[in-house]
Protein backbone atom coordinates (compact mmCIF):
# COMPACT_ATOMS: atom_id res chain seq x y z
CA GLY A 1 0.00 0.00 0.00
CA ASN A 2 0.90 3.65 0.24
CA PRO A 3 1.48 4.40 3.91
CA GLU A 4 2.05 8.10 3.17
CA LEU A 5 -1.58 8.66 2.27
CA PRO A 6 -3.80 9.93 5.11
CA THR A 7 -6.31 7.44 6.43
CA ALA A 8 -9.99 8.36 6.75
CA VAL A 9 -11.04 9.12 10.33
CA ASN A 10 -14.27 10.00 12.18
CA ILE A 11 -16.26 7.65 9.96
CA THR A 12 -19.93 7.89 10.92
CA TRP A 13 -23.25 6.49 9.77
CA SER A 14 -26.24 8.85 9.42
CA SER A 15 -29.53 7.10 8.69
CA ILE A 16 -33.16 8.27 8.73
CA ASN A 17 -35.96 6.00 7.47
CA PHE A 18 -33.23 3.74 6.01
CA LYS A 19 -31.70 6.46 3.83
CA THR A 20 -28.09 6.08 4.94
CA ILE A 21 -25.15 8.42 4.42
CA LEU A 22 -21.57 7.56 5.35
CA GLN A 23 -19.39 10.53 6.35
CA TRP A 24 -15.72 10.87 7.23
CA GLN A 25 -12.67 13.20 7.38
CA PRO A 26 -10.34 14.74 6.16
CA LYS A 27 -10.89 16.44 2.80
CA PRO A 28 -8.52 14.74 0.32
CA SER A 29 -5.64 16.61 -1.29
CA GLY A 30 -3.69 14.83 -4.02
CA TYR A 31 -5.60 11.58 -3.52
CA LEU A 32 -9.20 10.25 -3.60
CA TYR A 33 -11.47 7.92 -1.65
CA THR A 34 -13.32 4.71 -2.50
CA VAL A 35 -15.89 3.18 -0.13
CA GLU A 36 -16.27 -0.56 0.42
CA ILE A 37 -19.29 -1.94 2.27
CA HIS A 38 -18.65 -5.30 3.95
CA GLY A 39 -21.62 -7.36 5.15
CA GLN A 40 -21.42 -10.31 7.51
CA THR A 41 -23.03 -12.65 4.99
CA SER A 42 -23.02 -10.59 1.76
CA ASP A 43 -20.37 -9.80 -0.83
CA THR A 44 -18.29 -6.64 -0.58
CA LYS A 45 -19.72 -3.77 -2.61
CA LYS A 46 -17.94 -0.62 -3.75
CA LYS A 47 -19.56 2.81 -3.70
CA CYS A 48 -18.42 6.36 -4.53
CA ILE A 49 -15.36 5.10 -6.40
CA LEU A 50 -12.54 7.65 -6.65
CA THR A 51 -14.49 10.46 -5.02
CA ALA A 52 -13.10 13.75 -3.73
CA GLU A 53 -16.10 14.05 -1.37
CA THR A 54 -16.17 13.05 2.28
CA GLU A 55 -19.63 11.52 2.26
CA CYS A 56 -21.31 8.73 0.33
CA ASP A 57 -24.94 7.62 -0.02
CA VAL A 58 -24.79 3.87 0.62
CA THR A 59 -28.56 3.26 0.88
CA ASP A 60 -28.83 1.00 -2.16
CA VAL A 61 -26.21 -1.49 -0.91
CA LEU A 62 -27.89 -1.91 2.50
CA LYS A 63 -31.15 -3.44 1.25
CA ASN A 64 -30.81 -6.39 3.60
CA VAL A 65 -31.73 -4.16 6.54
CA LYS A 66 -31.16 -6.83 9.19
CA GLU A 67 -27.58 -7.44 8.00
CA THR A 68 -24.71 -5.88 9.97
CA TYR A 69 -22.29 -3.87 7.86
CA THR A 70 -18.82 -2.33 8.18
CA ALA A 71 -17.49 0.38 5.88
CA HIS A 72 -13.90 0.64 4.71
CA VAL A 73 -12.96 4.06 3.35
CA LEU A 74 -9.91 3.55 1.12
CA SER A 75 -7.39 6.31 0.38
CA VAL A 76 -6.23 5.82 -3.21
CA MET A 77 -4.16 7.54 -5.89
CA PRO A 78 -5.98 7.78 -9.24
CA SER A 79 -2.86 6.51 -11.00
CA ALA A 80 -2.64 3.41 -8.80
CA MET A 81 -5.78 1.66 -10.08
CA ASP A 82 -3.71 -1.22 -11.43
CA ASN A 83 -1.76 -1.56 -8.21
CA PHE A 84 -2.83 -4.80 -6.56
CA GLU A 85 -1.51 -3.82 -3.16
CA GLU A 86 -4.22 -2.88 -0.67
CA PRO A 87 -4.44 0.89 -0.10
CA PRO A 88 -4.64 2.32 3.44
CA PHE A 89 -8.17 2.59 4.79
CA GLY A 90 -10.21 3.63 7.78
CA VAL A 91 -12.81 1.30 9.28
CA SER A 92 -16.25 2.36 10.54
CA GLU A 93 -18.20 1.07 13.50
CA LYS A 94 -20.64 -1.74 12.75
CA PHE A 95 -24.05 -0.65 11.50
CA THR A 96 -27.33 -2.57 11.35
CA PRO A 97 -30.06 -0.52 9.57
CA TYR A 98 -32.98 -2.35 11.19
CA SER A 99 -31.86 -1.53 14.72
CA GLN A 100 -30.08 1.80 14.14
CA THR A 101 -31.86 3.86 11.50
CA VAL A 102 -33.80 6.76 13.02
CA LEU A 103 -37.57 6.87 12.53
CA GLY A 104 -38.52 10.08 10.70
CA LYS A 105 -41.44 12.40 11.36
CA PRO A 106 -44.93 10.95 10.83
CA GLU A 107 -47.20 13.14 8.69
CA ILE A 108 -50.51 14.12 10.27
CA LYS A 109 -53.16 13.86 7.55
CA ASN A 110 -56.28 14.92 9.45
CA TYR A 111 -57.52 15.74 12.94
CA THR A 112 -60.86 16.69 14.49
CA GLN A 113 -62.17 17.47 17.95
CA LYS A 114 -65.87 16.70 18.22
CA GLY A 115 -67.33 17.02 21.67
CA SER A 116 -65.16 15.05 24.07
CA GLU A 117 -63.29 13.05 21.37
CA LEU A 118 -60.03 13.99 19.64
CA ASN A 119 -59.37 12.03 16.44
CA VAL A 120 -55.94 12.11 14.76
CA VAL A 121 -55.08 10.36 11.49
CA PHE A 122 -51.43 10.13 10.38
CA GLN A 123 -49.24 8.51 7.73
CA ASP A 124 -46.08 6.38 8.02
CA PRO A 125 -42.81 7.88 6.75
CA LEU A 126 -41.61 6.34 3.48
CA THR A 127 -38.24 4.66 2.91
CA PRO A 128 -36.04 4.76 -0.23
CA TYR A 129 -36.72 1.06 -0.83
CA THR A 130 -39.38 -0.04 -3.32
CA PHE A 131 -41.74 -2.92 -4.05
CA PRO A 132 -41.45 -4.71 -7.43
CA ASN A 133 -44.15 -2.38 -8.81
CA GLY A 134 -41.98 0.66 -8.02
CA SER A 135 -44.00 2.05 -5.10
CA PHE A 136 -42.01 3.03 -2.02
CA LYS A 137 -42.07 0.93 1.11
CA SER A 138 -43.07 2.66 4.33
CA ILE A 139 -41.32 2.05 7.63
CA ARG A 140 -44.37 -0.04 8.64
CA ASP A 141 -43.76 -2.33 5.65
CA ILE A 142 -40.30 -3.08 7.04
CA PHE A 143 -40.81 -3.02 10.82
CA GLN A 144 -44.35 -4.47 10.74
CA HIS A 145 -45.42 -5.42 14.30
CA ASP A 146 -42.24 -3.99 15.82
CA LEU A 147 -43.54 -0.49 15.07
CA GLU A 148 -45.98 1.49 17.16
CA TYR A 149 -46.86 5.16 17.55
CA LYS A 150 -47.50 7.44 20.50
CA LEU A 151 -49.74 10.48 20.59
CA TYR A 152 -48.75 13.13 23.12
CA TYR A 153 -51.55 15.62 23.80
CA TRP A 154 -52.26 18.39 26.29
CA LYS A 155 -54.70 21.21 26.95
CA ASP A 156 -53.75 24.31 25.00
CA GLN A 157 -51.59 26.64 27.12
CA SER A 158 -51.02 23.84 29.66
CA SER A 159 -47.86 21.83 30.35
CA GLY A 160 -49.44 18.57 31.56
CA LYS A 161 -49.08 15.92 28.83
CA LYS A 162 -51.02 12.72 28.33
CA ASP A 163 -50.18 9.97 25.85
CA ALA A 164 -51.84 7.15 23.94
CA THR A 165 -50.37 4.27 21.91
CA THR A 166 -51.50 2.61 18.68
CA LYS A 167 -50.28 0.18 16.04
CA SER A 168 -52.73 1.60 13.49
CA HIS A 169 -52.85 4.99 11.73
CA THR A 170 -55.51 6.51 13.99
CA PHE A 171 -55.86 7.83 17.52
CA ASP A 172 -59.18 8.38 19.32
CA VAL A 173 -58.79 9.87 22.78
CA SER A 174 -61.18 11.42 25.28
CA VAL A 175 -60.71 15.13 26.00
CA ASP A 176 -62.43 18.01 27.76
CA SER A 177 -65.00 19.29 25.25
CA THR A 178 -64.65 22.86 26.54
CA LYS A 179 -60.88 23.04 25.95
CA ASN A 180 -58.64 23.06 22.90
CA TYR A 181 -55.78 20.58 22.66
CA CYS A 182 -52.31 20.51 21.12
CA PHE A 183 -50.58 17.27 20.12
CA TYR A 184 -47.83 15.51 18.15
CA VAL A 185 -47.17 11.93 17.00
CA GLN A 186 -43.94 9.94 17.34
CA GLY A 187 -42.93 6.50 16.03
CA ILE A 188 -41.43 4.00 18.50
CA ILE A 189 -39.64 0.64 18.23
CA PRO A 190 -40.12 -0.83 21.75
CA SER A 191 -37.76 -3.77 21.10
CA ARG A 192 -34.76 -1.50 20.56
CA ARG A 193 -32.22 -0.72 23.24
CA GLU A 194 -31.17 2.51 21.50
CA ASN A 195 -32.95 4.86 19.08
CA ARG A 196 -36.31 3.64 20.39
CA ASN A 197 -38.06 6.98 19.84
CA GLY A 198 -38.36 8.52 16.40
CA GLN A 199 -38.56 12.15 15.36
CA GLU A 200 -41.60 14.10 16.52
CA SER A 201 -44.22 15.26 14.03
CA VAL A 202 -45.19 18.91 13.82
CA VAL A 203 -47.25 20.17 16.77
CA LEU A 204 -50.85 21.00 15.85
CA CYS A 205 -53.68 22.46 17.94
CA THR A 206 -57.44 22.22 17.68
CA SER A 207 -59.57 25.38 17.55
CA VAL A 208 -63.01 24.10 18.51
CA GLY A 209 -64.67 26.40 21.03
CA ARG A 210 -61.67 28.69 21.20
CA ASN A 211 -62.66 32.10 22.46
CA ILE A 212 -60.74 35.33 22.49
CA LEU A 213 -59.71 34.86 26.11
CA ASP A 214 -58.14 31.46 25.25
CA GLU A 215 -56.43 32.93 22.24
CA TYR A 216 -54.87 36.03 23.75
CA GLY A 217 -55.00 35.64 27.53
CA ALA A 218 -56.28 37.89 30.31
CA GLU A 219 -53.39 40.35 30.00
CA VAL A 220 -54.59 41.55 26.62
CA PHE A 221 -58.08 42.11 28.02
CA ILE A 222 -56.67 44.20 30.86
CA ILE A 223 -54.78 46.35 28.34
CA ILE A 224 -57.91 46.71 26.20
CA ALA A 225 -59.99 47.64 29.29
CA VAL A 226 -57.45 50.29 30.33
CA ILE A 227 -57.42 51.76 26.81
CA ALA A 228 -61.23 51.71 26.71
CA ILE A 229 -61.48 53.51 30.08
CA ALA A 230 -58.95 56.08 28.89
CA VAL A 231 -60.92 56.66 25.67
CA ILE A 232 -64.22 56.97 27.57
CA THR A 233 -62.66 59.35 30.10
CA LEU A 234 -61.21 61.46 27.30
CA ALA A 235 -64.58 61.54 25.53
CA ILE A 236 -66.32 62.69 28.75
CA VAL A 237 -63.73 65.41 29.36
CA LEU A 238 -64.02 66.66 25.78
CA SER A 239 -67.82 66.64 26.03
CA VAL A 240 -67.72 68.68 29.24
CA ILE A 241 -65.29 71.19 27.69
CA LEU A 242 -67.39 71.53 24.53
CA CYS A 243 -70.56 71.91 26.59
CA LYS A 244 -69.01 74.69 28.70
CA ARG A 245 -67.80 76.48 25.57
CA LYS A 246 -71.28 76.35 24.03
CA LYS A 247 -72.87 77.77 27.20
CA ALA A 248 -70.27 80.54 27.36
CA LYS A 249 -70.86 81.39 23.70
CA ALA A 250 -74.64 81.45 24.16
CA ALA A 251 -74.27 83.73 27.19
CA ARG A 252 -72.11 86.16 25.21
CA GLU A 253 -74.62 86.31 22.36
CA LYS A 254 -77.45 87.31 24.79
CA GLU A 255 -75.48 90.26 26.22
CA PRO A 256 -76.52 93.69 24.66
CA LEU A 257 -73.93 95.22 22.36
CA ASN A 258 -71.92 97.99 23.99
CA GLY A 259 -72.75 101.49 22.77
CA VAL A 260 -76.12 100.59 21.31
């Protein structure tokens, strides 16, 4: 090999919904990198051959998501392609997509609050992997019964959270019909030791029965009341002043003209 070439360091896996990027350092100068993916039971596959980048999308060579992989990042000279000696390389930590990919954000499709029932309908995140017909597999298609979701919900402008769990795409929970609620959904793999909780969906809030006091709070009403009192007081003062001026004017008009 060429021991003078720098070896890749800080090799890390970044994976969300099975889309997996390998990253490393340093930026190459005068040489290039080639990535080899080694599986425990699968053949070695090369990706990002002779690249000047320090990251590589390796998603398509990790299709066996329950396989455990190791990445070798080779430091190579472009002119040494016919050299059969092994180039220097850095080795990554082991990576198993099924147990280590992060669950992405679920998408909330619809929600309603009718009376004392909050209904939330959501959709599984999709993966880069496809069925034979070309449609994308969702994380549910891969994890199946290992996947569940949690709904976290709370009264609007309150900090006390409640939660509910489902293996379907729908939540139906009992709520206070006089209050509005905020909520988010999160995927979970209970069997995992690490990365059990996925990314949180956007937070949404219902608006059934929301009144102005709920929306803006009592402070705004106090300010409005103070302004209203000030306006009324000003109007009364102006009215009194105008009334006095009119009376004074009328009194002057009734006085006889001097010298007549």
